[in-house]
Amino acid sequence: MPVATAWDALLDPAVLVRSIPGCSRLEATGEHAYAMTVTAGVAAIKGTYDGSCSLTDLVEHRSLVMKLSGAGAPGTVDATVAVSFEDLGAEGTRVSYDADATVGGMVGGVGQRMLTSVSKRMAAEFFGNVARPAGPADAAAAVPSEPGVFTPPARSSSLSSQDDFLKGIAVGAGLVLLGVLAGSRLGRRR
């Protein structure tokens, strides 16, 4: 995917709401700022988190910083993710990220290996979903049901093989943005 397309996708709330694992609501609260609701789980610790996401330090087609925070019954997460874009010409775009997160509550008690494993699966699902072309159901989500409120599209019972593959390798959750970052406090991925 060309760098301009990747950049535009990560700034598009309709793409974000369908791409963030477990995201049921993404509401614009300002320019590049959102309130969100995500259902996520790590091992037996599952829950619904309300949080916020903001995109700052935007350098078009090159980099941005994503700041996230969330709280739910299982715990809290505060994270900062530096995202960079590298144009590879005909090969597409390399999107790299470096994340730091602080986790509290029961989620913080989950072992490092478990958090890292879940965060890797969620990152794979998130970026796979961003790269996936929008289908007919996704087009309906492109128009918010209320001004500034985006909800994920309804999924049909028959998934494409690409969706099946992504779900197979990326079963987990979005606390991406909130949950991906939970494991990132102990391990970094580029």
Protein backbone atom coordinates (compact mmCIF):
# COMPACT_ATOMS: atom_id res chain seq x y z
CA MET A 1 0.00 0.00 0.00
CA PRO A 2 1.42 3.46 -0.86
CA VAL A 3 2.57 5.60 2.07
CA ALA A 4 -0.20 8.19 1.47
CA THR A 5 -2.83 5.43 1.64
CA ALA A 6 -1.36 3.97 4.85
CA TRP A 7 -1.20 7.45 6.41
CA ASP A 8 -4.78 8.27 5.44
CA ALA A 9 -6.01 4.91 6.77
CA LEU A 10 -4.50 5.48 10.22
CA LEU A 11 -6.13 8.92 10.39
CA ASP A 12 -9.57 7.67 9.26
CA PRO A 13 -11.94 6.95 12.19
CA ALA A 14 -14.00 4.52 10.08
CA VAL A 15 -10.85 2.47 9.36
CA LEU A 16 -9.72 2.66 12.99
CA VAL A 17 -13.03 1.44 14.43
CA ARG A 18 -13.07 -1.63 12.17
CA SER A 19 -9.35 -2.27 12.72
CA ILE A 20 -8.93 -1.97 16.49
CA PRO A 21 -9.60 -5.44 17.92
CA GLY A 22 -12.65 -5.38 20.20
CA CYS A 23 -13.51 -1.73 19.49
CA SER A 24 -17.25 -1.12 19.71
CA ARG A 25 -17.19 2.70 19.69
CA LEU A 26 -14.88 5.46 18.52
CA GLU A 27 -16.21 8.98 19.02
CA ALA A 28 -14.47 12.10 17.77
CA THR A 29 -13.88 14.54 20.63
CA GLY A 30 -11.65 16.94 18.70
CA GLU A 31 -9.21 17.00 15.81
CA HIS A 32 -7.40 13.63 15.90
CA ALA A 33 -8.84 12.92 19.37
CA TYR A 34 -11.31 10.14 20.21
CA ALA A 35 -13.19 8.53 23.07
CA MET A 36 -13.42 4.77 22.64
CA THR A 37 -14.87 1.61 24.12
CA VAL A 38 -12.94 -1.63 23.71
CA THR A 39 -13.67 -5.14 24.96
CA ALA A 40 -10.42 -7.01 25.52
CA GLY A 41 -8.91 -9.85 27.44
CA VAL A 42 -5.61 -11.31 28.50
CA ALA A 43 -5.87 -14.90 29.70
CA ALA A 44 -8.84 -15.08 32.09
CA ILE A 45 -8.86 -11.32 32.68
CA LYS A 46 -11.44 -9.87 30.31
CA GLY A 47 -13.43 -6.68 30.39
CA THR A 48 -14.70 -3.55 28.73
CA TYR A 49 -12.51 -0.48 28.84
CA ASP A 50 -13.47 3.15 28.27
CA GLY A 51 -10.63 5.31 27.15
CA SER A 52 -9.23 7.96 24.90
CA CYS A 53 -6.88 8.09 21.95
CA SER A 54 -5.18 11.14 20.48
CA LEU A 55 -2.81 11.54 17.57
CA THR A 56 -0.15 14.23 18.00
CA ASP A 57 3.13 15.36 16.46
CA LEU A 58 1.86 14.56 12.96
CA VAL A 59 4.51 14.83 10.24
CA GLU A 60 2.55 13.96 7.09
CA HIS A 61 3.46 10.58 5.56
CA ARG A 62 6.41 10.22 7.99
CA SER A 63 5.41 9.90 11.65
CA LEU A 64 2.88 10.48 14.42
CA VAL A 65 2.52 9.86 18.13
CA MET A 66 -0.53 8.02 19.48
CA LYS A 67 -1.41 8.60 23.14
CA LEU A 68 -3.85 6.19 24.74
CA SER A 69 -5.44 5.72 28.11
CA GLY A 70 -8.14 3.39 29.29
CA ALA A 71 -9.78 2.07 32.42
CA GLY A 72 -12.07 -0.84 33.13
CA ALA A 73 -12.79 -3.33 35.91
CA PRO A 74 -9.65 -5.40 35.10
CA GLY A 75 -7.26 -2.43 35.28
CA THR A 76 -5.84 0.63 33.62
CA VAL A 77 -3.49 1.35 30.73
CA ASP A 78 -1.66 4.52 29.73
CA ALA A 79 0.48 4.31 26.62
CA THR A 80 2.43 6.32 24.11
CA VAL A 81 3.15 4.87 20.68
CA ALA A 82 5.54 6.48 18.19
CA VAL A 83 4.55 5.37 14.66
CA SER A 84 6.77 5.90 11.62
CA PHE A 85 6.09 5.35 7.93
CA GLU A 86 8.75 4.39 5.39
CA ASP A 87 7.95 4.54 1.68
CA LEU A 88 9.36 1.40 0.04
CA GLY A 89 8.31 2.42 -3.45
CA ALA A 90 6.76 -0.45 -5.41
CA GLU A 91 7.04 -2.71 -2.35
CA GLY A 92 4.59 -0.57 -0.36
CA THR A 93 5.04 1.05 3.03
CA ARG A 94 6.75 -0.11 6.19
CA VAL A 95 4.88 1.00 9.31
CA SER A 96 7.00 0.72 12.47
CA TYR A 97 6.07 1.50 16.03
CA ASP A 98 7.71 1.84 19.42
CA ALA A 99 5.43 1.73 22.45
CA ASP A 100 5.72 2.45 26.14
CA ALA A 101 2.85 1.61 28.47
CA THR A 102 2.02 1.63 32.14
CA VAL A 103 -0.44 -1.04 33.25
CA GLY A 104 -2.28 -1.22 36.57
CA GLY A 105 -4.77 -3.49 38.28
CA MET A 106 -5.31 -7.18 37.51
CA VAL A 107 -4.01 -6.76 33.94
CA GLY A 108 -0.64 -5.68 35.37
CA GLY A 109 -0.41 -8.99 37.23
CA VAL A 110 -0.43 -11.07 34.04
CA GLY A 111 2.99 -12.48 33.18
CA GLN A 112 5.34 -10.81 30.69
CA ARG A 113 5.16 -13.68 28.19
CA MET A 114 1.36 -13.65 28.17
CA LEU A 115 1.17 -9.86 27.71
CA THR A 116 3.80 -9.93 24.95
CA SER A 117 2.05 -12.77 23.12
CA VAL A 118 -1.34 -11.05 23.24
CA SER A 119 0.15 -7.72 22.18
CA LYS A 120 1.82 -9.30 19.14
CA ARG A 121 -1.40 -11.01 18.07
CA MET A 122 -3.37 -7.79 18.50
CA ALA A 123 -0.82 -5.76 16.55
CA ALA A 124 -0.97 -8.30 13.71
CA GLU A 125 -4.76 -8.11 13.72
CA PHE A 126 -4.82 -4.31 13.86
CA PHE A 127 -2.37 -3.75 11.00
CA GLY A 128 -3.92 -6.59 8.97
CA ASN A 129 -7.33 -4.95 9.38
CA VAL A 130 -5.97 -1.53 8.37
CA ALA A 131 -4.49 -3.07 5.20
CA ARG A 132 -7.68 -5.03 4.39
CA PRO A 133 -9.80 -3.37 1.72
CA ALA A 134 -13.16 -2.13 2.98
CA GLY A 135 -16.10 -4.35 2.07
CA PRO A 136 -19.75 -3.35 1.53
CA ALA A 137 -20.52 -3.53 5.26
CA ASP A 138 -17.54 -1.27 5.97
CA ALA A 139 -18.92 1.38 3.62
CA ALA A 140 -21.95 1.75 5.89
CA ALA A 141 -19.64 2.44 8.84
CA ALA A 142 -17.90 5.21 6.89
CA VAL A 143 -20.91 7.43 7.62
CA PRO A 144 -21.29 7.92 11.37
CA SER A 145 -24.67 6.99 12.89
CA GLU A 146 -24.40 10.17 14.97
CA PRO A 147 -22.11 13.11 14.22
CA GLY A 148 -18.59 11.97 15.07
CA VAL A 149 -19.57 8.52 16.41
CA PHE A 150 -18.24 5.50 14.54
CA THR A 151 -19.27 1.91 15.18
CA PRO A 152 -17.81 -1.19 13.56
CA PRO A 153 -19.66 -2.68 10.59
CA ALA A 154 -21.82 -5.75 11.08
CA ARG A 155 -20.04 -8.88 9.95
CA SER A 156 -21.74 -11.43 7.75
CA SER A 157 -21.70 -15.06 8.80
CA SER A 158 -19.51 -16.05 5.86
CA LEU A 159 -16.06 -14.51 6.17
CA SER A 160 -13.55 -14.20 3.37
CA SER A 161 -10.51 -16.44 3.56
CA GLN A 162 -8.40 -13.38 4.38
CA ASP A 163 -10.67 -12.59 7.35
CA ASP A 164 -10.49 -16.23 8.47
CA PHE A 165 -6.69 -16.11 8.28
CA LEU A 166 -6.47 -12.85 10.22
CA LYS A 167 -8.83 -14.12 12.89
CA GLY A 168 -6.87 -17.37 13.13
CA ILE A 169 -3.56 -15.63 13.80
CA ALA A 170 -4.85 -12.68 15.77
CA VAL A 171 -7.49 -13.84 18.24
CA GLY A 172 -7.13 -11.49 21.18
CA ALA A 173 -8.09 -7.82 21.85
CA GLY A 174 -7.66 -3.80 21.56
CA LEU A 175 -7.03 -2.44 24.50
CA VAL A 176 -4.61 -1.65 20.39
CA LEU A 177 -4.59 0.16 21.00
CA LEU A 178 -5.01 -0.16 24.62
CA GLY A 179 -4.29 -3.94 24.87
CA VAL A 180 -1.50 -4.12 22.31
CA LEU A 181 0.27 -1.60 24.41
CA ALA A 182 -0.15 -3.46 27.67
CA GLY A 183 2.47 -6.00 26.65
CA SER A 184 4.66 -3.36 25.12
CA ARG A 185 5.76 -1.97 28.47
CA LEU A 186 7.95 -5.04 28.96
CA GLY A 187 8.98 -5.71 25.39
CA ARG A 188 9.40 -3.46 22.38
CA ARG A 189 8.49 -4.41 18.82
CA ARG A 190 9.62 -2.66 15.66
